[in-house]
Amino acid sequence: MAAVKRSYSAPRREEAARATRLAVVDAAHRLFLEQGYGATTIDQIAVRAGVSRPTVFAVGSKASLLKLARDVAMAGDDEDLDVASRSRFQRLLAEPDPVVTLQIFAEHCADLLGRYAALDEVVRQAAGSDDEIRDLWQTSETQRLRAARLVVANLAGKAELRLPQDRAADVLWLLMASDTYRRLVQGRRWSRARWIAWYAETLHSQLLA
């Protein structure tokens, strides 16, 4: 009797590959937070993820894994959709009330920084000794400025700004950095709700006339 060939399931194989990729990225993320970028090795990532060393390299180099971990942490998932294109960000852009816009933005930043603030510090520290990570750090800074300019331009269409638009964007770029969140929430143990209330009030006082 001839052997019956099993049907090939591309979606199932793709799902398994995605799960492996996410496991490797998650393992790298956790190790980067625990011991820093420089001290983390590919072998350690493989062991933590429960895969082989070649499997880790198939996902990416150590620098690539840091970038992937950053992207997933910022977005909240591995979907190929940038933060500005996601529903909450689009909702704040569509909101006509500038005060409500800033409240939505504060909640958005709390979620993003809750996932990303600690890893952002890993990137900052590693940038001092690794050219690839230095480029990643500069990319992060540029992307944050681009987002700040987008939000400020949106606010300018809804209300009078306290500052010229370019200066307002610089102020927001600074306030969007992870330092304040990391110090107040992770350092001083502020609750998420307390940080959001403070952040929304600060944004209002700094940006709106």
C-alpha atoms as a PDB file:
ATOM      1  CA  MET A   1       0.000   0.000   0.000  1.00  0.00           C
ATOM      2  CA  ALA A   2       1.427   3.355  -1.000  1.00  0.00           C
ATOM      3  CA  ALA A   3       2.169   5.789   1.804  1.00  0.00           C
ATOM      4  CA  VAL A   4      -0.309   8.637   2.071  1.00  0.00           C
ATOM      5  CA  LYS A   5       1.371  12.035   1.971  1.00  0.00           C
ATOM      6  CA  ARG A   6       0.284  14.470   4.615  1.00  0.00           C
ATOM      7  CA  SER A   7      -1.112  17.725   3.320  1.00  0.00           C
ATOM      8  CA  TYR A   8       1.264  20.654   3.621  1.00  0.00           C
ATOM      9  CA  SER A   9      -0.037  23.447   5.820  1.00  0.00           C
ATOM     10  CA  ALA A  10       1.781  26.687   5.057  1.00  0.00           C
ATOM     11  CA  PRO A  11      -0.223  28.729   7.591  1.00  0.00           C
ATOM     12  CA  ARG A  12       0.604  26.263  10.374  1.00  0.00           C
ATOM     13  CA  ARG A  13       4.271  26.339   9.475  1.00  0.00           C
ATOM     14  CA  GLU A  14       4.247  30.136   9.367  1.00  0.00           C
ATOM     15  CA  GLU A  15       2.522  30.235  12.759  1.00  0.00           C
ATOM     16  CA  ALA A  16       5.185  27.965  14.247  1.00  0.00           C
ATOM     17  CA  ALA A  17       7.968  30.081  12.753  1.00  0.00           C
ATOM     18  CA  ARG A  18       6.382  33.232  14.157  1.00  0.00           C
ATOM     19  CA  ALA A  19       6.066  31.649  17.607  1.00  0.00           C
ATOM     20  CA  THR A  20       9.745  30.655  17.515  1.00  0.00           C
ATOM     21  CA  ARG A  21      10.745  34.136  16.413  1.00  0.00           C
ATOM     22  CA  LEU A  22       8.747  35.739  19.216  1.00  0.00           C
ATOM     23  CA  ALA A  23      10.231  33.323  21.759  1.00  0.00           C
ATOM     24  CA  VAL A  24      13.758  34.288  20.679  1.00  0.00           C
ATOM     25  CA  VAL A  25      12.967  38.015  20.753  1.00  0.00           C
ATOM     26  CA  ASP A  26      11.294  37.694  24.164  1.00  0.00           C
ATOM     27  CA  ALA A  27      14.262  35.742  25.559  1.00  0.00           C
ATOM     28  CA  ALA A  28      16.668  38.383  24.266  1.00  0.00           C
ATOM     29  CA  HIS A  29      14.504  41.159  25.701  1.00  0.00           C
ATOM     30  CA  ARG A  30      14.456  39.595  29.164  1.00  0.00           C
ATOM     31  CA  LEU A  31      18.188  38.942  29.189  1.00  0.00           C
ATOM     32  CA  PHE A  32      18.975  42.484  28.008  1.00  0.00           C
ATOM     33  CA  LEU A  33      16.942  43.824  30.931  1.00  0.00           C
ATOM     34  CA  GLU A  34      18.452  41.409  33.448  1.00  0.00           C
ATOM     35  CA  GLN A  35      22.130  41.775  32.608  1.00  0.00           C
ATOM     36  CA  GLY A  36      22.571  44.409  29.921  1.00  0.00           C
ATOM     37  CA  TYR A  37      23.288  44.227  26.218  1.00  0.00           C
ATOM     38  CA  GLY A  38      27.054  43.669  26.433  1.00  0.00           C
ATOM     39  CA  ALA A  39      26.847  40.773  28.883  1.00  0.00           C
ATOM     40  CA  THR A  40      24.173  38.901  26.937  1.00  0.00           C
ATOM     41  CA  THR A  41      25.318  36.202  24.521  1.00  0.00           C
ATOM     42  CA  ILE A  42      23.639  34.345  21.678  1.00  0.00           C
ATOM     43  CA  ASP A  43      24.123  31.081  23.593  1.00  0.00           C
ATOM     44  CA  GLN A  44      22.257  32.498  26.599  1.00  0.00           C
ATOM     45  CA  ILE A  45      19.416  33.653  24.358  1.00  0.00           C
ATOM     46  CA  ALA A  46      19.208  30.195  22.778  1.00  0.00           C
ATOM     47  CA  VAL A  47      19.019  28.498  26.166  1.00  0.00           C
ATOM     48  CA  ARG A  48      16.391  30.936  27.476  1.00  0.00           C
ATOM     49  CA  ALA A  49      14.281  30.535  24.336  1.00  0.00           C
ATOM     50  CA  GLY A  50      14.715  26.759  24.252  1.00  0.00           C
ATOM     51  CA  VAL A  51      16.106  26.737  20.715  1.00  0.00           C
ATOM     52  CA  SER A  52      19.425  26.078  19.014  1.00  0.00           C
ATOM     53  CA  ARG A  53      22.116  28.689  18.418  1.00  0.00           C
ATOM     54  CA  PRO A  54      21.550  28.570  14.599  1.00  0.00           C
ATOM     55  CA  THR A  55      17.846  29.226  15.214  1.00  0.00           C
ATOM     56  CA  VAL A  56      18.702  32.394  17.100  1.00  0.00           C
ATOM     57  CA  PHE A  57      20.952  33.565  14.265  1.00  0.00           C
ATOM     58  CA  ALA A  58      18.145  32.795  11.814  1.00  0.00           C
ATOM     59  CA  VAL A  59      16.083  35.407  13.658  1.00  0.00           C
ATOM     60  CA  GLY A  60      18.952  37.888  13.750  1.00  0.00           C
ATOM     61  CA  SER A  61      22.234  39.029  15.200  1.00  0.00           C
ATOM     62  CA  LYS A  62      22.362  40.327  18.765  1.00  0.00           C
ATOM     63  CA  ALA A  63      21.992  43.908  17.539  1.00  0.00           C
ATOM     64  CA  SER A  64      19.073  42.892  15.342  1.00  0.00           C
ATOM     65  CA  LEU A  65      17.435  41.157  18.294  1.00  0.00           C
ATOM     66  CA  LEU A  66      17.685  44.347  20.343  1.00  0.00           C
ATOM     67  CA  LYS A  67      16.028  46.257  17.513  1.00  0.00           C
ATOM     68  CA  LEU A  68      13.298  43.634  17.194  1.00  0.00           C
ATOM     69  CA  ALA A  69      12.741  43.661  20.953  1.00  0.00           C
ATOM     70  CA  ARG A  70      12.496  47.447  20.804  1.00  0.00           C
ATOM     71  CA  ASP A  71       9.968  47.349  17.964  1.00  0.00           C
ATOM     72  CA  VAL A  72       7.768  44.780  19.707  1.00  0.00           C
ATOM     73  CA  ALA A  73       7.941  46.630  23.025  1.00  0.00           C
ATOM     74  CA  MET A  74       6.980  49.934  21.449  1.00  0.00           C
ATOM     75  CA  ALA A  75       4.102  48.516  19.418  1.00  0.00           C
ATOM     76  CA  GLY A  76       2.914  45.871  21.858  1.00  0.00           C
ATOM     77  CA  ASP A  77       3.052  43.130  19.231  1.00  0.00           C
ATOM     78  CA  ASP A  78       4.978  42.055  16.136  1.00  0.00           C
ATOM     79  CA  GLU A  79       2.430  43.221  13.572  1.00  0.00           C
ATOM     80  CA  ASP A  80       3.907  45.137  10.636  1.00  0.00           C
ATOM     81  CA  LEU A  81       2.163  48.383  11.582  1.00  0.00           C
ATOM     82  CA  ASP A  82       3.929  51.437  12.937  1.00  0.00           C
ATOM     83  CA  VAL A  83       2.747  53.089  16.143  1.00  0.00           C
ATOM     84  CA  ALA A  84       1.342  56.190  14.424  1.00  0.00           C
ATOM     85  CA  SER A  85      -0.889  54.019  12.216  1.00  0.00           C
ATOM     86  CA  ARG A  86      -2.508  52.181  15.109  1.00  0.00           C
ATOM     87  CA  SER A  87      -6.065  52.763  16.284  1.00  0.00           C
ATOM     88  CA  ARG A  88      -5.412  54.724  19.487  1.00  0.00           C
ATOM     89  CA  PHE A  89      -2.986  57.113  17.797  1.00  0.00           C
ATOM     90  CA  GLN A  90      -5.431  57.599  14.942  1.00  0.00           C
ATOM     91  CA  ARG A  91      -8.190  58.221  17.490  1.00  0.00           C
ATOM     92  CA  LEU A  92      -6.232  60.999  19.191  1.00  0.00           C
ATOM     93  CA  LEU A  93      -5.541  62.611  15.816  1.00  0.00           C
ATOM     94  CA  ALA A  94      -9.250  62.486  14.964  1.00  0.00           C
ATOM     95  CA  GLU A  95     -10.401  63.803  18.366  1.00  0.00           C
ATOM     96  CA  PRO A  96     -11.600  67.436  17.980  1.00  0.00           C
ATOM     97  CA  ASP A  97     -11.110  68.470  21.629  1.00  0.00           C
ATOM     98  CA  PRO A  98      -7.426  69.323  22.356  1.00  0.00           C
ATOM     99  CA  VAL A  99      -7.736  68.481  26.064  1.00  0.00           C
ATOM    100  CA  VAL A 100      -9.192  65.056  25.296  1.00  0.00           C
ATOM    101  CA  THR A 101      -6.484  64.624  22.663  1.00  0.00           C
ATOM    102  CA  LEU A 102      -3.800  65.115  25.317  1.00  0.00           C
ATOM    103  CA  GLN A 103      -5.566  62.714  27.676  1.00  0.00           C
ATOM    104  CA  ILE A 104      -5.623  60.010  24.997  1.00  0.00           C
ATOM    105  CA  PHE A 105      -1.994  60.753  24.225  1.00  0.00           C
ATOM    106  CA  ALA A 106      -1.042  60.460  27.911  1.00  0.00           C
ATOM    107  CA  GLU A 107      -2.716  57.040  28.091  1.00  0.00           C
ATOM    108  CA  HIS A 108      -0.980  55.996  24.876  1.00  0.00           C
ATOM    109  CA  CYS A 109       2.412  57.050  26.260  1.00  0.00           C
ATOM    110  CA  ALA A 110       1.780  55.257  29.557  1.00  0.00           C
ATOM    111  CA  ASP A 111       1.145  52.007  27.717  1.00  0.00           C
ATOM    112  CA  LEU A 112       4.082  52.433  25.346  1.00  0.00           C
ATOM    113  CA  LEU A 113       6.559  53.455  28.039  1.00  0.00           C
ATOM    114  CA  GLY A 114       5.303  50.760  30.388  1.00  0.00           C
ATOM    115  CA  ARG A 115       6.475  48.229  27.815  1.00  0.00           C
ATOM    116  CA  TYR A 116       9.526  50.063  26.551  1.00  0.00           C
ATOM    117  CA  ALA A 117      11.096  52.432  29.119  1.00  0.00           C
ATOM    118  CA  ALA A 118      13.436  49.887  30.715  1.00  0.00           C
ATOM    119  CA  LEU A 119      14.622  48.565  27.344  1.00  0.00           C
ATOM    120  CA  ASP A 120      15.169  52.121  26.115  1.00  0.00           C
ATOM    121  CA  GLU A 121      17.750  52.530  28.883  1.00  0.00           C
ATOM    122  CA  VAL A 122      19.483  49.353  27.664  1.00  0.00           C
ATOM    123  CA  VAL A 123      19.663  50.857  24.170  1.00  0.00           C
ATOM    124  CA  ARG A 124      20.994  54.148  25.522  1.00  0.00           C
ATOM    125  CA  GLN A 125      23.761  52.466  27.507  1.00  0.00           C
ATOM    126  CA  ALA A 126      24.753  50.117  24.678  1.00  0.00           C
ATOM    127  CA  ALA A 127      24.900  53.006  22.203  1.00  0.00           C
ATOM    128  CA  GLY A 128      28.060  54.243  23.883  1.00  0.00           C
ATOM    129  CA  SER A 129      30.094  51.221  22.811  1.00  0.00           C
ATOM    130  CA  ASP A 130      28.375  49.698  19.775  1.00  0.00           C
ATOM    131  CA  ASP A 131      28.034  51.447  16.410  1.00  0.00           C
ATOM    132  CA  GLU A 132      24.945  49.482  15.370  1.00  0.00           C
ATOM    133  CA  ILE A 133      23.172  50.311  18.604  1.00  0.00           C
ATOM    134  CA  ARG A 134      24.281  53.929  18.335  1.00  0.00           C
ATOM    135  CA  ASP A 135      22.491  54.061  15.003  1.00  0.00           C
ATOM    136  CA  LEU A 136      19.440  52.454  16.600  1.00  0.00           C
ATOM    137  CA  TRP A 137      19.481  55.059  19.375  1.00  0.00           C
ATOM    138  CA  GLN A 138      19.632  57.884  16.860  1.00  0.00           C
ATOM    139  CA  THR A 139      16.785  56.303  14.908  1.00  0.00           C
ATOM    140  CA  SER A 140      14.710  56.196  18.087  1.00  0.00           C
ATOM    141  CA  GLU A 141      15.405  59.854  18.813  1.00  0.00           C
ATOM    142  CA  THR A 142      14.467  60.831  15.258  1.00  0.00           C
ATOM    143  CA  GLN A 143      11.283  58.768  15.286  1.00  0.00           C
ATOM    144  CA  ARG A 144      10.215  60.347  18.576  1.00  0.00           C
ATOM    145  CA  LEU A 145      10.754  63.829  17.147  1.00  0.00           C
ATOM    146  CA  ARG A 146       8.708  62.905  14.087  1.00  0.00           C
ATOM    147  CA  ALA A 147       5.871  61.713  16.332  1.00  0.00           C
ATOM    148  CA  ALA A 148       6.103  64.885  18.453  1.00  0.00           C
ATOM    149  CA  ARG A 149       5.845  67.056  15.356  1.00  0.00           C
ATOM    150  CA  LEU A 150       2.819  65.097  14.169  1.00  0.00           C
ATOM    151  CA  VAL A 151       1.016  65.508  17.497  1.00  0.00           C
ATOM    152  CA  VAL A 152       1.865  69.206  17.782  1.00  0.00           C
ATOM    153  CA  ALA A 153       0.730  69.901  14.222  1.00  0.00           C
ATOM    154  CA  ASN A 154      -2.509  68.110  15.052  1.00  0.00           C
ATOM    155  CA  LEU A 155      -2.976  70.195  18.224  1.00  0.00           C
ATOM    156  CA  ALA A 156      -2.262  73.397  16.322  1.00  0.00           C
ATOM    157  CA  GLY A 157      -5.316  72.690  14.188  1.00  0.00           C
ATOM    158  CA  LYS A 158      -7.500  72.408  17.292  1.00  0.00           C
ATOM    159  CA  ALA A 159      -6.280  75.120  19.669  1.00  0.00           C
ATOM    160  CA  GLU A 160      -3.802  77.947  20.156  1.00  0.00           C
ATOM    161  CA  LEU A 161      -0.367  76.722  21.167  1.00  0.00           C
ATOM    162  CA  ARG A 162       1.637  78.284  23.980  1.00  0.00           C
ATOM    163  CA  LEU A 163       4.850  78.124  21.908  1.00  0.00           C
ATOM    164  CA  PRO A 164       5.796  78.338  18.239  1.00  0.00           C
ATOM    165  CA  GLN A 165       5.109  74.982  16.645  1.00  0.00           C
ATOM    166  CA  ASP A 166       8.761  73.953  16.234  1.00  0.00           C
ATOM    167  CA  ARG A 167       9.561  74.757  19.868  1.00  0.00           C
ATOM    168  CA  ALA A 168       6.407  73.011  21.063  1.00  0.00           C
ATOM    169  CA  ALA A 169       7.504  69.909  19.152  1.00  0.00           C
ATOM    170  CA  ASP A 170      10.901  70.029  20.856  1.00  0.00           C
ATOM    171  CA  VAL A 171       9.237  70.273  24.279  1.00  0.00           C
ATOM    172  CA  LEU A 172       6.967  67.345  23.510  1.00  0.00           C
ATOM    173  CA  TRP A 173       9.919  65.341  22.136  1.00  0.00           C
ATOM    174  CA  LEU A 174      11.628  65.833  25.492  1.00  0.00           C
ATOM    175  CA  LEU A 175       8.534  64.936  27.507  1.00  0.00           C
ATOM    176  CA  MET A 176       8.021  61.797  25.407  1.00  0.00           C
ATOM    177  CA  ALA A 177      11.444  60.426  26.387  1.00  0.00           C
ATOM    178  CA  SER A 178      11.392  57.440  28.722  1.00  0.00           C
ATOM    179  CA  ASP A 179      13.418  59.041  31.527  1.00  0.00           C
ATOM    180  CA  THR A 180      10.534  60.658  33.398  1.00  0.00           C
ATOM    181  CA  TYR A 181       8.339  57.569  33.236  1.00  0.00           C
ATOM    182  CA  ARG A 182      11.172  55.322  34.344  1.00  0.00           C
ATOM    183  CA  ARG A 183      12.083  57.580  37.274  1.00  0.00           C
ATOM    184  CA  LEU A 184       8.560  58.254  38.517  1.00  0.00           C
ATOM    185  CA  VAL A 185       6.810  54.939  37.849  1.00  0.00           C
ATOM    186  CA  GLN A 186       9.631  52.427  38.064  1.00  0.00           C
ATOM    187  CA  GLY A 187      11.784  54.443  40.461  1.00  0.00           C
ATOM    188  CA  ARG A 188       9.354  56.337  42.710  1.00  0.00           C
ATOM    189  CA  ARG A 189       6.593  53.742  42.343  1.00  0.00           C
ATOM    190  CA  TRP A 190       3.952  56.083  40.997  1.00  0.00           C
ATOM    191  CA  SER A 191       0.812  54.312  39.833  1.00  0.00           C
ATOM    192  CA  ARG A 192      -0.085  54.330  36.166  1.00  0.00           C
ATOM    193  CA  ALA A 193      -3.140  56.498  36.898  1.00  0.00           C
ATOM    194  CA  ARG A 194      -1.101  59.038  38.857  1.00  0.00           C
ATOM    195  CA  TRP A 195       1.498  59.308  36.086  1.00  0.00           C
ATOM    196  CA  ILE A 196      -1.166  59.736  33.393  1.00  0.00           C
ATOM    197  CA  ALA A 197      -2.899  62.503  35.370  1.00  0.00           C
ATOM    198  CA  TRP A 198       0.405  64.327  35.927  1.00  0.00           C
ATOM    199  CA  TYR A 199       1.522  63.834  32.337  1.00  0.00           C
ATOM    200  CA  ALA A 200      -1.735  65.070  30.796  1.00  0.00           C
ATOM    201  CA  GLU A 201      -1.672  68.147  33.060  1.00  0.00           C
ATOM    202  CA  THR A 202       1.969  68.821  32.188  1.00  0.00           C
ATOM    203  CA  LEU A 203       1.301  68.510  28.469  1.00  0.00           C
ATOM    204  CA  HIS A 204      -1.632  70.888  28.770  1.00  0.00           C
ATOM    205  CA  SER A 205       0.357  73.514  30.681  1.00  0.00           C
ATOM    206  CA  GLN A 206       3.365  73.287  28.361  1.00  0.00           C
ATOM    207  CA  LEU A 207       1.647  73.103  24.988  1.00  0.00           C
ATOM    208  CA  LEU A 208      -1.727  74.833  25.091  1.00  0.00           C
ATOM    209  CA  ALA A 209      -2.212  78.597  25.522  1.00  0.00           C
END
